[in-house]
Amino acid sequence: MISRRRVIAGAGSFAVVSASRSATMSETGVSKQGSQSMQIKRSGDQPSQKGPEAWFTGQVRNDPLHTAVAPAHANVASVTFEPGARTAWHIHPLGQTLIVTAGAGRAQTWGGPIEELRPGDVVWFSRARSTGTARAPRRR
């Protein structure tokens, strides 16, 4: 069942947060309205990073989009896998959501079947599940 699988290669993430009232942006990217604030990180503000060799095999690029601010726990990144790249087996104690934005890939939980993924697929991995993701090989 896909709700227990991890996401695949060529995948990226996109998060949307909606608010009930609008506010005016300041030059710093932070707007305030009463005790509430909104922070906007402009595209390209954070440099891309090579996926750490301890976590990935092959060429992987990590583009951090948002780092959680307490009390939230969700970090958001766009991760691009080149053909043949994959993650090492790993767990996310609080679970993980993956959104496939381009390409094709595969996802699997430890001992489970390999699931094919395509653009638009959304995968939720439950907490404490050992998972792996990979870019699907190029078709000849």
C-alpha atoms as a PDB file:
ATOM      1  CA  MET A   1       0.000   0.000   0.000  1.00  0.00           C
ATOM      2  CA  ILE A   2       1.535   3.310  -1.059  1.00  0.00           C
ATOM      3  CA  SER A   3       0.880   5.029   2.277  1.00  0.00           C
ATOM      4  CA  ARG A   4       3.739   3.023   3.750  1.00  0.00           C
ATOM      5  CA  ARG A   5       6.297   3.554   0.984  1.00  0.00           C
ATOM      6  CA  ARG A   6       9.032   6.131   0.518  1.00  0.00           C
ATOM      7  CA  VAL A   7       9.303   8.416  -2.487  1.00  0.00           C
ATOM      8  CA  ILE A   8      11.392   8.058  -5.578  1.00  0.00           C
ATOM      9  CA  ALA A   9      13.974   9.602  -7.829  1.00  0.00           C
ATOM     10  CA  GLY A  10      13.723  12.688  -9.909  1.00  0.00           C
ATOM     11  CA  ALA A  11      11.511  13.889  -7.119  1.00  0.00           C
ATOM     12  CA  GLY A  12      11.041  17.300  -5.597  1.00  0.00           C
ATOM     13  CA  SER A  13       8.803  18.854  -2.996  1.00  0.00           C
ATOM     14  CA  PHE A  14       6.515  21.876  -2.979  1.00  0.00           C
ATOM     15  CA  ALA A  15       4.686  23.168   0.076  1.00  0.00           C
ATOM     16  CA  VAL A  16       1.861  25.702   0.195  1.00  0.00           C
ATOM     17  CA  VAL A  17       0.754  27.526   3.330  1.00  0.00           C
ATOM     18  CA  SER A  18      -2.388  29.628   3.227  1.00  0.00           C
ATOM     19  CA  ALA A  19      -3.418  32.442   5.540  1.00  0.00           C
ATOM     20  CA  SER A  20      -6.827  33.935   6.210  1.00  0.00           C
ATOM     21  CA  ARG A  21      -5.661  37.551   6.031  1.00  0.00           C
ATOM     22  CA  SER A  22      -3.171  39.326   3.800  1.00  0.00           C
ATOM     23  CA  ALA A  23      -0.293  41.456   5.014  1.00  0.00           C
ATOM     24  CA  THR A  24       2.249  43.833   3.526  1.00  0.00           C
ATOM     25  CA  MET A  25       5.800  42.627   2.947  1.00  0.00           C
ATOM     26  CA  SER A  26       8.699  44.560   4.376  1.00  0.00           C
ATOM     27  CA  GLU A  27      12.061  44.773   2.637  1.00  0.00           C
ATOM     28  CA  THR A  28      13.378  42.011   4.913  1.00  0.00           C
ATOM     29  CA  GLY A  29      10.900  39.417   3.641  1.00  0.00           C
ATOM     30  CA  VAL A  30       9.036  39.356   6.964  1.00  0.00           C
ATOM     31  CA  SER A  31       5.582  40.868   7.326  1.00  0.00           C
ATOM     32  CA  LYS A  32       3.774  41.330  10.605  1.00  0.00           C
ATOM     33  CA  GLN A  33       0.126  41.712  11.423  1.00  0.00           C
ATOM     34  CA  GLY A  34      -0.618  41.791  15.136  1.00  0.00           C
ATOM     35  CA  SER A  35       1.287  38.970  16.831  1.00  0.00           C
ATOM     36  CA  GLN A  36       1.460  36.930  13.610  1.00  0.00           C
ATOM     37  CA  SER A  37       4.279  37.069  11.084  1.00  0.00           C
ATOM     38  CA  MET A  38       4.998  35.657   7.665  1.00  0.00           C
ATOM     39  CA  GLN A  39       8.434  34.879   6.261  1.00  0.00           C
ATOM     40  CA  ILE A  40       9.150  34.582   2.544  1.00  0.00           C
ATOM     41  CA  LYS A  41      12.336  32.989   1.265  1.00  0.00           C
ATOM     42  CA  ARG A  42      12.934  34.057  -2.307  1.00  0.00           C
ATOM     43  CA  SER A  43      13.849  31.494  -4.940  1.00  0.00           C
ATOM     44  CA  GLY A  44      17.612  31.096  -5.135  1.00  0.00           C
ATOM     45  CA  ASP A  45      18.258  32.606  -1.681  1.00  0.00           C
ATOM     46  CA  GLN A  46      19.723  29.340  -0.415  1.00  0.00           C
ATOM     47  CA  PRO A  47      22.462  27.614  -2.425  1.00  0.00           C
ATOM     48  CA  SER A  48      22.055  24.070  -3.729  1.00  0.00           C
ATOM     49  CA  GLN A  49      24.019  21.368  -1.940  1.00  0.00           C
ATOM     50  CA  LYS A  50      25.426  18.072  -3.115  1.00  0.00           C
ATOM     51  CA  GLY A  51      23.644  15.165  -1.436  1.00  0.00           C
ATOM     52  CA  PRO A  52      25.927  13.805   1.323  1.00  0.00           C
ATOM     53  CA  GLU A  53      27.694  10.561   0.342  1.00  0.00           C
ATOM     54  CA  ALA A  54      26.640   9.023   3.677  1.00  0.00           C
ATOM     55  CA  TRP A  55      22.977   9.400   2.627  1.00  0.00           C
ATOM     56  CA  PHE A  56      23.046   8.943  -1.158  1.00  0.00           C
ATOM     57  CA  THR A  57      24.664   6.876  -3.899  1.00  0.00           C
ATOM     58  CA  GLY A  58      25.124   8.655  -7.232  1.00  0.00           C
ATOM     59  CA  GLN A  59      24.542  12.303  -8.103  1.00  0.00           C
ATOM     60  CA  VAL A  60      21.908  13.980  -5.916  1.00  0.00           C
ATOM     61  CA  ARG A  61      21.242  17.717  -5.513  1.00  0.00           C
ATOM     62  CA  ASN A  62      19.463  19.106  -2.443  1.00  0.00           C
ATOM     63  CA  ASP A  63      17.817  22.516  -2.683  1.00  0.00           C
ATOM     64  CA  PRO A  64      16.696  23.552   0.818  1.00  0.00           C
ATOM     65  CA  LEU A  65      13.420  25.472   0.657  1.00  0.00           C
ATOM     66  CA  HIS A  66      12.449  25.879   4.317  1.00  0.00           C
ATOM     67  CA  THR A  67      13.876  24.965   7.720  1.00  0.00           C
ATOM     68  CA  ALA A  68      11.315  24.328  10.446  1.00  0.00           C
ATOM     69  CA  VAL A  69      10.696  27.063  13.000  1.00  0.00           C
ATOM     70  CA  ALA A  70       9.430  25.838  16.399  1.00  0.00           C
ATOM     71  CA  PRO A  71       6.901  24.564  17.181  1.00  0.00           C
ATOM     72  CA  ALA A  72       6.768  23.174  13.614  1.00  0.00           C
ATOM     73  CA  HIS A  73       8.875  20.138  12.701  1.00  0.00           C
ATOM     74  CA  ALA A  74       8.661  20.121   8.896  1.00  0.00           C
ATOM     75  CA  ASN A  75      11.691  20.926   6.777  1.00  0.00           C
ATOM     76  CA  VAL A  76      11.079  21.285   3.041  1.00  0.00           C
ATOM     77  CA  ALA A  77      13.569  20.563   0.268  1.00  0.00           C
ATOM     78  CA  SER A  78      13.582  19.853  -3.434  1.00  0.00           C
ATOM     79  CA  VAL A  79      15.798  16.841  -4.073  1.00  0.00           C
ATOM     80  CA  THR A  80      16.912  15.933  -7.599  1.00  0.00           C
ATOM     81  CA  PHE A  81      18.218  12.443  -8.344  1.00  0.00           C
ATOM     82  CA  GLU A  82      20.247  11.825 -11.514  1.00  0.00           C
ATOM     83  CA  PRO A  83      19.661   8.452 -13.244  1.00  0.00           C
ATOM     84  CA  GLY A  84      20.866   5.581 -11.047  1.00  0.00           C
ATOM     85  CA  ALA A  85      21.050   7.681  -7.857  1.00  0.00           C
ATOM     86  CA  ARG A  86      19.363   6.447  -4.683  1.00  0.00           C
ATOM     87  CA  THR A  87      19.137   6.991  -0.944  1.00  0.00           C
ATOM     88  CA  ALA A  88      20.682   4.769   1.687  1.00  0.00           C
ATOM     89  CA  TRP A  89      18.153   2.845   3.801  1.00  0.00           C
ATOM     90  CA  HIS A  90      16.964   5.228   6.507  1.00  0.00           C
ATOM     91  CA  ILE A  91      14.094   6.174   8.813  1.00  0.00           C
ATOM     92  CA  HIS A  92      12.232   9.383   9.649  1.00  0.00           C
ATOM     93  CA  PRO A  93      10.974   9.170  13.259  1.00  0.00           C
ATOM     94  CA  LEU A  94       8.102  11.581  12.514  1.00  0.00           C
ATOM     95  CA  GLY A  95       7.384  10.260   9.014  1.00  0.00           C
ATOM     96  CA  GLN A  96       7.976  11.934   5.655  1.00  0.00           C
ATOM     97  CA  THR A  97       5.921  13.138   2.707  1.00  0.00           C
ATOM     98  CA  LEU A  98       7.424  13.093  -0.777  1.00  0.00           C
ATOM     99  CA  ILE A  99       5.946  14.736  -3.849  1.00  0.00           C
ATOM    100  CA  VAL A 100       7.255  13.613  -7.228  1.00  0.00           C
ATOM    101  CA  THR A 101       7.569  16.703  -9.434  1.00  0.00           C
ATOM    102  CA  ALA A 102       9.525  15.347 -12.421  1.00  0.00           C
ATOM    103  CA  GLY A 103      11.061  12.172 -13.767  1.00  0.00           C
ATOM    104  CA  ALA A 104      10.331   8.647 -12.634  1.00  0.00           C
ATOM    105  CA  GLY A 105      11.523   6.725  -9.637  1.00  0.00           C
ATOM    106  CA  ARG A 106      10.999   3.905  -7.243  1.00  0.00           C
ATOM    107  CA  ALA A 107      10.239   3.718  -3.540  1.00  0.00           C
ATOM    108  CA  GLN A 108      10.308   0.844  -1.103  1.00  0.00           C
ATOM    109  CA  THR A 109      10.022   0.087   2.595  1.00  0.00           C
ATOM    110  CA  TRP A 110      12.291  -2.557   4.109  1.00  0.00           C
ATOM    111  CA  GLY A 111      11.047  -5.956   2.942  1.00  0.00           C
ATOM    112  CA  GLY A 112       8.169  -4.429   0.948  1.00  0.00           C
ATOM    113  CA  PRO A 113       7.589  -4.384  -2.798  1.00  0.00           C
ATOM    114  CA  ILE A 114       9.202  -1.762  -5.028  1.00  0.00           C
ATOM    115  CA  GLU A 115       6.664   0.877  -6.092  1.00  0.00           C
ATOM    116  CA  GLU A 116       7.009   2.862  -9.339  1.00  0.00           C
ATOM    117  CA  LEU A 117       6.506   6.636  -9.013  1.00  0.00           C
ATOM    118  CA  ARG A 118       5.611   9.294 -11.579  1.00  0.00           C
ATOM    119  CA  PRO A 119       5.130  13.098 -11.532  1.00  0.00           C
ATOM    120  CA  GLY A 120       2.193  14.117  -9.359  1.00  0.00           C
ATOM    121  CA  ASP A 121       2.454  11.086  -7.062  1.00  0.00           C
ATOM    122  CA  VAL A 122       2.469  11.875  -3.339  1.00  0.00           C
ATOM    123  CA  VAL A 123       3.974   9.352  -0.936  1.00  0.00           C
ATOM    124  CA  TRP A 124       3.646   9.276   2.851  1.00  0.00           C
ATOM    125  CA  PHE A 125       6.100   7.175   4.818  1.00  0.00           C
ATOM    126  CA  SER A 126       4.918   6.449   8.317  1.00  0.00           C
ATOM    127  CA  ARG A 127       7.250   7.071  11.225  1.00  0.00           C
ATOM    128  CA  ALA A 128      10.019   4.631  12.043  1.00  0.00           C
ATOM    129  CA  ARG A 129       9.809   2.859   8.673  1.00  0.00           C
ATOM    130  CA  SER A 130      13.096   1.965   7.019  1.00  0.00           C
ATOM    131  CA  THR A 131      12.844   3.339   3.493  1.00  0.00           C
ATOM    132  CA  GLY A 132      14.780   3.744   0.285  1.00  0.00           C
ATOM    133  CA  THR A 133      14.198   5.819  -2.840  1.00  0.00           C
ATOM    134  CA  ALA A 134      15.838   5.742  -6.238  1.00  0.00           C
ATOM    135  CA  ARG A 135      15.670   7.247  -9.693  1.00  0.00           C
ATOM    136  CA  ALA A 136      14.276   4.817 -12.212  1.00  0.00           C
ATOM    137  CA  PRO A 137      16.823   3.746 -14.820  1.00  0.00           C
ATOM    138  CA  ARG A 138      16.540   5.419 -18.209  1.00  0.00           C
ATOM    139  CA  ARG A 139      14.485   3.460 -20.671  1.00  0.00           C
ATOM    140  CA  ARG A 140      16.267   2.567 -23.887  1.00  0.00           C
END
